[in-house]
N, C-alpha and C. Protein backbone atom coordinates (compact mmCIF):
# COMPACT_ATOMS: atom_id res chain seq x y z
N MET A 1 153.75 -84.38 214.61
CA MET A 1 153.66 -85.24 215.64
C MET A 1 154.01 -84.68 216.95
N SER A 2 153.45 -85.01 218.09
CA SER A 2 153.60 -84.21 219.34
C SER A 2 154.95 -84.74 219.87
N GLU A 3 155.39 -83.83 220.70
CA GLU A 3 156.81 -84.17 221.37
C GLU A 3 156.68 -85.24 222.24
N THR A 4 155.60 -85.42 223.01
CA THR A 4 155.27 -86.52 224.05
C THR A 4 155.26 -87.85 223.23
N PHE A 5 154.55 -87.89 222.14
CA PHE A 5 154.52 -89.09 221.42
C PHE A 5 155.95 -89.46 220.94
N GLU A 6 156.88 -88.54 220.49
CA GLU A 6 158.08 -88.81 220.05
C GLU A 6 158.85 -89.21 221.11
N VAL A 7 158.88 -88.77 222.41
CA VAL A 7 159.49 -89.22 223.38
C VAL A 7 159.06 -90.60 223.97
N ASP A 8 157.89 -90.92 223.79
CA ASP A 8 157.44 -92.23 224.15
C ASP A 8 157.92 -93.22 223.17
N ARG A 9 157.99 -92.88 222.05
CA ARG A 9 158.47 -93.90 220.92
C ARG A 9 159.80 -94.05 220.88
N VAL A 10 160.70 -93.16 221.32
CA VAL A 10 162.06 -93.27 221.50
C VAL A 10 162.38 -94.21 222.44
N ASN A 11 161.61 -93.98 223.74
CA ASN A 11 161.69 -94.87 224.99
C ASN A 11 161.33 -96.29 224.53
N ARG A 12 160.36 -96.57 223.87
CA ARG A 12 159.91 -97.80 223.49
C ARG A 12 160.96 -98.71 222.50
N ILE A 13 161.47 -97.72 221.60
CA ILE A 13 162.41 -98.27 220.59
C ILE A 13 163.80 -98.56 221.46
N ALA A 14 164.16 -97.81 222.35
CA ALA A 14 165.42 -98.00 223.42
C ALA A 14 165.06 -99.35 223.96
N ASP A 15 163.81 -99.47 224.52
CA ASP A 15 163.69 -100.79 225.43
C ASP A 15 163.61 -102.03 224.58
N ILE A 16 163.12 -102.01 223.27
CA ILE A 16 163.29 -102.99 222.35
C ILE A 16 164.66 -103.42 222.17
N LEU A 17 165.37 -102.28 221.82
CA LEU A 17 166.91 -102.52 221.47
C LEU A 17 167.57 -103.27 222.57
N LEU A 18 167.41 -102.75 223.84
CA LEU A 18 168.11 -103.11 224.89
C LEU A 18 167.77 -104.68 225.20
N GLY A 19 166.35 -104.98 225.11
CA GLY A 19 166.03 -106.29 225.17
C GLY A 19 166.59 -107.28 224.25
N ALA A 20 166.77 -106.84 222.98
CA ALA A 20 167.31 -107.69 221.99
C ALA A 20 168.87 -107.70 222.29
N ALA A 21 169.61 -106.68 222.66
CA ALA A 21 171.02 -106.77 223.00
C ALA A 21 171.30 -107.63 224.11
N THR A 22 170.45 -107.71 225.16
CA THR A 22 170.57 -108.38 226.32
C THR A 22 170.43 -109.86 225.94
N ALA A 23 169.45 -110.18 225.19
CA ALA A 23 169.21 -111.54 224.85
C ALA A 23 170.14 -112.18 223.54
N LYS A 24 171.29 -111.10 223.33
CA LYS A 24 172.10 -111.34 221.98
C LYS A 24 171.36 -111.78 220.93
N GLY A 25 170.10 -111.07 220.57
CA GLY A 25 169.35 -111.32 219.57
C GLY A 25 169.49 -110.35 218.37
N LEU A 26 168.88 -110.47 217.42
CA LEU A 26 168.92 -109.78 216.22
C LEU A 26 167.52 -109.20 215.95
N ILE A 27 167.47 -107.99 215.27
CA ILE A 27 165.97 -107.36 214.92
C ILE A 27 166.31 -107.20 213.51
N GLY A 28 165.36 -107.68 212.90
CA GLY A 28 165.26 -107.29 211.43
C GLY A 28 163.99 -106.57 211.16
N TYR A 29 164.12 -105.55 210.27
CA TYR A 29 163.01 -104.75 210.01
C TYR A 29 162.93 -104.36 208.64
N ARG A 30 161.66 -104.13 208.09
CA ARG A 30 161.52 -103.64 206.82
C ARG A 30 160.42 -102.53 206.77
N VAL A 31 160.79 -101.41 206.22
CA VAL A 31 159.90 -100.36 206.15
C VAL A 31 159.44 -100.07 204.77
N ASP A 32 158.18 -100.14 204.61
CA ASP A 32 157.54 -99.78 203.38
C ASP A 32 157.30 -98.38 202.94
N THR A 33 157.29 -97.63 203.96
CA THR A 33 156.96 -96.15 203.88
C THR A 33 158.08 -95.13 203.47
N ARG A 34 158.66 -94.44 204.26
CA ARG A 34 159.77 -93.57 203.89
C ARG A 34 161.16 -94.26 204.38
N PRO A 35 162.11 -94.05 203.63
CA PRO A 35 163.32 -94.64 203.99
C PRO A 35 163.83 -94.18 205.16
N ASP A 36 163.55 -93.12 205.77
CA ASP A 36 164.05 -92.32 206.91
C ASP A 36 163.08 -92.51 208.16
N PHE A 37 162.19 -93.50 208.03
CA PHE A 37 161.26 -93.70 209.15
C PHE A 37 161.73 -93.85 210.41
N LEU A 38 162.80 -94.68 210.64
CA LEU A 38 163.40 -94.95 211.92
C LEU A 38 164.79 -94.17 212.21
N SER A 39 165.02 -93.38 211.16
CA SER A 39 166.32 -92.72 211.28
C SER A 39 166.50 -91.64 212.38
N GLN A 40 165.49 -90.84 212.43
CA GLN A 40 165.31 -89.78 213.92
C GLN A 40 165.26 -90.57 214.99
N PRO A 41 164.31 -91.44 215.25
CA PRO A 41 164.19 -91.99 216.57
C PRO A 41 165.40 -92.79 216.81
N LEU A 42 166.07 -93.44 216.02
CA LEU A 42 167.35 -94.24 216.29
C LEU A 42 168.62 -93.37 216.63
N ASP A 43 168.52 -92.13 216.00
CA ASP A 43 169.45 -91.09 216.19
C ASP A 43 169.34 -90.77 217.69
N GLU A 44 168.07 -90.44 218.07
CA GLU A 44 167.73 -89.91 219.45
C GLU A 44 168.18 -90.98 220.47
N VAL A 45 167.78 -92.35 220.21
CA VAL A 45 168.30 -93.34 220.94
C VAL A 45 169.80 -93.51 221.31
N SER A 46 170.67 -93.15 220.15
CA SER A 46 172.00 -93.23 220.23
C SER A 46 172.43 -92.14 220.90
N ARG A 47 171.89 -90.94 220.89
CA ARG A 47 172.34 -89.71 221.54
C ARG A 47 172.20 -89.87 222.88
N ARG A 48 171.11 -90.47 223.33
CA ARG A 48 170.68 -90.41 224.78
C ARG A 48 171.88 -91.48 225.55
N ALA A 49 171.95 -92.57 224.77
CA ALA A 49 172.92 -93.55 225.34
C ALA A 49 174.39 -93.04 225.44
N PHE A 50 174.70 -92.19 224.46
CA PHE A 50 176.06 -91.57 224.58
C PHE A 50 176.10 -90.78 225.75
N ASP A 51 175.14 -89.83 225.87
CA ASP A 51 175.10 -88.72 226.89
C ASP A 51 175.08 -89.38 228.38
N LYS A 52 174.54 -90.84 228.36
CA LYS A 52 174.75 -91.39 229.59
C LYS A 52 176.10 -92.40 229.84
N GLY A 53 176.89 -92.18 228.86
CA GLY A 53 178.06 -93.05 228.84
C GLY A 53 177.87 -94.37 228.48
N GLU A 54 176.78 -94.77 227.94
CA GLU A 54 176.26 -96.14 227.50
C GLU A 54 176.60 -96.51 226.02
N PRO A 55 176.78 -97.82 225.78
CA PRO A 55 176.89 -98.11 224.30
C PRO A 55 175.82 -97.52 223.50
N MET A 56 176.15 -97.21 222.33
CA MET A 56 175.26 -96.87 221.25
C MET A 56 174.86 -98.03 220.38
């Protein structure tokens, strides 16, 4: 997977999570492929937030 795609995907996931948090909503998801499908992008979202001093 290209690095550009990964960065775009991580940015999109961060935007979705921020929107849900702002609306005090919940996100449910089910992944039928690999159990670690979202673990790496979510880890990167958390690291970026931490580096900016934002909540993870």
